[in-house]
């Protein structure tokens, strides 16, 4: 595809090995990087995106999947950012398969957290009837990243948060030894505490959440 070819050429030209090494190290060496800083990457990405606007709009899903077959992490970021904008208000019910695929492919917190909030979260706003089925599947999965996405998808929902659902997921995973699950529970609860601090404090005080989750959940509430 013209868009992907232009993007790869542009990123290869801007590659910076001195940046790539610490960027990879920060991600525990799970991925290779061109070494392009976020601001510079986004500027070049937007430029090429704008030049290929029609192609991208018509083929966003296919392009995203193709970008996800590439090794450089910056291309995965581009796929996520593209879908966040291109699919908003235009999701199809079957897109949940695409979303799940993105979550379980090249999984790490940097991609999963963004997908959870801005793609899975938006998809479920557009198809709220899918919440029980999707979140039950993701929360019960043996894939830890799907579990994390089920915890985090309501980030930004504020007063529209289904707190009963969040509590049930919290109880389900309260004994998890996974750092990324404990942290996610605390984060999701802390975010909802901005809307309803008393409810969060009450739940946390009565729960058997791990210490990390509790600490993260109530850190901004200002209660002992």
Protein backbone atom coordinates (compact mmCIF):
# COMPACT_ATOMS: atom_id res chain seq x y z
CA UNK A 1 0.00 0.00 0.00
CA UNK A 2 1.23 3.49 -0.83
CA UNK A 3 0.54 4.82 2.65
CA UNK A 4 2.45 2.09 4.47
CA UNK A 5 5.37 2.22 2.02
CA UNK A 6 5.70 5.98 2.43
CA UNK A 7 5.47 5.68 6.20
CA UNK A 8 8.18 3.03 6.40
CA UNK A 9 10.52 5.01 4.15
CA UNK A 10 9.98 8.20 6.15
CA UNK A 11 10.56 6.45 9.48
CA UNK A 12 13.65 4.67 8.19
CA UNK A 13 15.07 8.05 7.17
CA UNK A 14 14.38 9.46 10.62
CA UNK A 15 15.67 6.41 12.49
CA UNK A 16 17.94 7.25 15.40
CA UNK A 17 19.84 4.29 16.90
CA UNK A 18 20.90 6.40 19.90
CA UNK A 19 17.25 6.89 20.82
CA UNK A 20 16.21 3.38 19.80
CA UNK A 21 18.34 1.66 22.43
CA UNK A 22 16.87 3.37 25.54
CA UNK A 23 13.36 3.23 24.05
CA UNK A 24 13.65 -0.53 23.64
CA UNK A 25 15.16 -0.87 27.09
CA UNK A 26 12.24 1.06 28.62
CA UNK A 27 9.91 -1.50 27.07
CA UNK A 28 11.97 -4.35 28.54
CA UNK A 29 13.36 -5.08 25.05
CA UNK A 30 10.08 -6.59 23.91
CA UNK A 31 10.18 -4.48 20.73
CA UNK A 32 12.55 -2.85 18.29
CA UNK A 33 12.31 0.87 17.67
CA UNK A 34 13.27 3.25 14.91
CA UNK A 35 14.17 5.61 17.72
CA UNK A 36 11.83 8.44 16.70
CA UNK A 37 10.53 10.62 19.52
CA UNK A 38 6.75 10.78 19.88
CA UNK A 39 6.26 14.38 18.74
CA UNK A 40 8.43 13.95 15.66
CA UNK A 41 6.82 10.62 14.82
CA UNK A 42 3.33 12.04 15.04
CA UNK A 43 4.16 15.04 12.88
CA UNK A 44 5.54 12.84 10.10
CA UNK A 45 2.71 10.34 10.53
CA UNK A 46 0.09 13.08 10.23
CA UNK A 47 1.80 14.46 7.14
CA UNK A 48 1.75 11.12 5.33
CA UNK A 49 -1.74 10.33 6.61
CA UNK A 50 -3.05 13.62 5.20
CA UNK A 51 -1.38 12.94 1.84
CA UNK A 52 -3.08 9.53 1.68
CA UNK A 53 -6.36 10.47 3.34
CA UNK A 54 -8.64 8.60 0.92
CA UNK A 55 -6.64 5.39 1.04
CA UNK A 56 -6.51 5.43 4.83
CA UNK A 57 -10.22 6.19 5.26
CA UNK A 58 -11.25 3.36 2.95
CA UNK A 59 -8.80 0.79 4.31
CA UNK A 60 -8.15 1.71 7.94
CA UNK A 61 -8.74 -1.77 9.34
CA UNK A 62 -6.59 -3.51 6.74
CA UNK A 63 -3.82 -0.94 7.10
CA UNK A 64 -3.81 -1.33 10.88
CA UNK A 65 -3.49 -5.09 10.65
CA UNK A 66 -0.67 -4.75 8.13
CA UNK A 67 1.16 -2.26 10.36
CA UNK A 68 0.83 -4.77 13.20
CA UNK A 69 2.75 -7.37 11.19
CA UNK A 70 5.79 -5.06 11.20
CA UNK A 71 8.48 -5.15 13.86
CA UNK A 72 9.10 -1.47 14.73
CA UNK A 73 6.98 -0.38 17.68
CA UNK A 74 6.35 3.06 16.20
CA UNK A 75 4.28 1.45 13.44
CA UNK A 76 2.04 -0.22 16.03
CA UNK A 77 1.49 3.18 17.64
CA UNK A 78 0.49 4.58 14.26
CA UNK A 79 -2.02 1.79 13.73
CA UNK A 80 -3.65 2.48 17.10
CA UNK A 81 -3.77 6.25 16.59
CA UNK A 82 -5.20 5.83 13.11
CA UNK A 83 -7.99 3.51 14.23
CA UNK A 84 -8.83 5.72 17.20
CA UNK A 85 -9.67 8.56 14.82
CA UNK A 86 -10.89 6.73 11.73
CA UNK A 87 -13.31 4.33 13.43
CA UNK A 88 -14.87 6.66 16.00
CA UNK A 89 -18.58 6.81 15.24
CA UNK A 90 -18.12 4.25 12.46
CA UNK A 91 -17.55 1.00 14.31
CA UNK A 92 -19.13 -2.20 13.05
CA UNK A 93 -20.24 -4.84 15.49
CA UNK A 94 -17.75 -7.33 14.09
CA UNK A 95 -14.87 -4.93 14.85
CA UNK A 96 -14.59 -6.58 18.25
CA UNK A 97 -12.59 -9.30 16.51
CA UNK A 98 -10.13 -6.70 15.24
CA UNK A 99 -9.92 -5.09 18.67
CA UNK A 100 -9.24 -8.40 20.41
CA UNK A 101 -6.56 -9.20 17.85
CA UNK A 102 -4.81 -5.89 18.51
CA UNK A 103 -4.90 -6.43 22.28
CA UNK A 104 -3.33 -9.88 22.16
CA UNK A 105 -0.74 -9.07 19.47
CA UNK A 106 2.56 -7.41 20.48
CA UNK A 107 0.98 -6.94 23.90
CA UNK A 108 2.47 -4.57 26.43
CA UNK A 109 1.04 -1.86 28.65
CA UNK A 110 1.75 0.97 26.21
CA UNK A 111 -0.44 -0.47 23.47
CA UNK A 112 -3.04 -2.29 25.54
CA UNK A 113 -3.87 0.71 27.72
CA UNK A 114 -4.44 2.98 24.73
CA UNK A 115 -6.51 0.38 22.90
CA UNK A 116 -8.56 -0.31 26.04
CA UNK A 117 -9.54 3.31 26.61
CA UNK A 118 -9.78 4.79 23.15
CA UNK A 119 -10.75 1.84 20.94
CA UNK A 120 -12.43 -0.84 23.08
CA UNK A 121 -14.00 1.84 25.28
CA UNK A 122 -15.36 3.76 22.29
CA UNK A 123 -16.58 0.59 20.57
CA UNK A 124 -18.59 -0.33 23.67
CA UNK A 125 -20.04 3.17 23.85
CA UNK A 126 -21.33 2.63 20.33
CA UNK A 127 -22.49 -0.94 21.05
CA UNK A 128 -23.39 -0.97 24.78
CA UNK A 129 -25.39 -4.15 24.28
CA UNK A 130 -22.07 -5.93 23.65
CA UNK A 131 -20.64 -5.05 27.07
CA UNK A 132 -21.86 -8.15 28.96
CA UNK A 133 -20.63 -10.58 26.32
CA UNK A 134 -17.32 -8.89 25.55
CA UNK A 135 -16.29 -8.03 29.09
CA UNK A 136 -17.26 -11.45 30.42
CA UNK A 137 -15.13 -13.07 27.73
CA UNK A 138 -12.18 -10.73 28.25
CA UNK A 139 -12.32 -10.85 32.04
CA UNK A 140 -12.50 -14.66 32.06
CA UNK A 141 -9.75 -15.09 29.48
CA UNK A 142 -6.44 -16.74 30.32
CA UNK A 143 -4.81 -13.84 28.48
CA UNK A 144 -3.75 -11.30 31.10
CA UNK A 145 -3.92 -8.40 28.64
CA UNK A 146 -7.55 -9.11 27.83
CA UNK A 147 -8.19 -9.14 31.60
CA UNK A 148 -6.48 -5.75 31.88
CA UNK A 149 -8.52 -4.33 28.99
CA UNK A 150 -11.75 -5.44 30.70
CA UNK A 151 -10.67 -3.52 33.80
CA UNK A 152 -9.61 -0.37 31.94
CA UNK A 153 -12.16 0.07 29.16
CA UNK A 154 -14.27 2.48 31.24
CA UNK A 155 -11.43 4.95 31.79
CA UNK A 156 -12.92 8.31 30.90
CA UNK A 157 -16.54 7.17 31.27
CA UNK A 158 -16.82 9.31 34.45
CA UNK A 159 -20.45 9.39 35.64
CA UNK A 160 -21.40 6.86 32.96
CA UNK A 161 -19.15 4.25 34.54
CA UNK A 162 -20.89 1.00 35.43
CA UNK A 163 -19.42 0.82 38.91
CA UNK A 164 -21.16 -2.45 39.73
CA UNK A 165 -19.40 -4.01 36.75
CA UNK A 166 -16.06 -2.54 37.78
CA UNK A 167 -16.53 -3.87 41.32
CA UNK A 168 -17.40 -7.35 40.06
CA UNK A 169 -14.29 -7.43 37.88
CA UNK A 170 -12.28 -6.19 40.85
CA UNK A 171 -13.54 -8.99 43.05
CA UNK A 172 -12.90 -11.52 40.29
CA UNK A 173 -9.26 -10.49 39.99
CA UNK A 174 -8.55 -9.40 43.55
CA UNK A 175 -6.25 -12.35 44.19
CA UNK A 176 -4.23 -11.91 41.02
CA UNK A 177 -0.49 -11.91 41.51
CA UNK A 178 0.02 -10.09 38.22
CA UNK A 179 1.46 -6.62 38.70
CA UNK A 180 -0.36 -5.34 35.60
CA UNK A 181 -3.71 -6.54 36.94
CA UNK A 182 -3.20 -5.13 40.43
CA UNK A 183 -2.08 -1.81 38.94
CA UNK A 184 -5.01 -1.71 36.50
CA UNK A 185 -7.56 -2.26 39.26
CA UNK A 186 -6.08 0.57 41.27
CA UNK A 187 -5.96 2.85 38.26
CA UNK A 188 -9.56 2.17 37.21
CA UNK A 189 -10.84 2.75 40.73
CA UNK A 190 -8.72 5.89 41.16
CA UNK A 191 -10.16 7.28 37.93
CA UNK A 192 -13.75 6.63 39.05
CA UNK A 193 -12.93 8.16 42.44
CA UNK A 194 -12.75 11.51 40.64
CA UNK A 195 -16.50 11.11 40.09
CA UNK A 196 -17.55 9.20 43.21
CA UNK A 197 -14.81 9.09 45.86
CA UNK A 198 -17.09 7.85 48.63
CA UNK A 199 -18.21 4.82 46.62
CA UNK A 200 -14.65 3.90 45.76
CA UNK A 201 -13.41 4.35 49.32
CA UNK A 202 -16.26 2.21 50.64
CA UNK A 203 -15.57 -0.57 48.13
CA UNK A 204 -11.83 -0.55 48.73
CA UNK A 205 -12.19 -0.55 52.52
CA UNK A 206 -14.46 -3.58 52.42
CA UNK A 207 -12.61 -5.48 49.68
CA UNK A 208 -9.78 -7.98 49.68
CA UNK A 209 -7.87 -6.21 46.94
CA UNK A 210 -4.10 -6.51 46.98
CA UNK A 211 -2.25 -3.68 48.79
CA UNK A 212 -1.00 -2.20 45.51
CA UNK A 213 -4.53 -1.97 44.12
CA UNK A 214 -5.85 -0.37 47.32
CA UNK A 215 -3.01 2.12 47.49
CA UNK A 216 -3.49 3.19 43.87
CA UNK A 217 -7.27 3.37 44.22
CA UNK A 218 -7.42 5.81 47.13
CA UNK A 219 -4.19 7.77 46.69
CA UNK A 220 -6.06 10.93 45.63
CA UNK A 221 -9.11 10.63 47.88
CA UNK A 222 -7.46 12.18 50.92
CA UNK A 223 -8.79 9.70 53.42
CA UNK A 224 -6.74 7.52 55.87
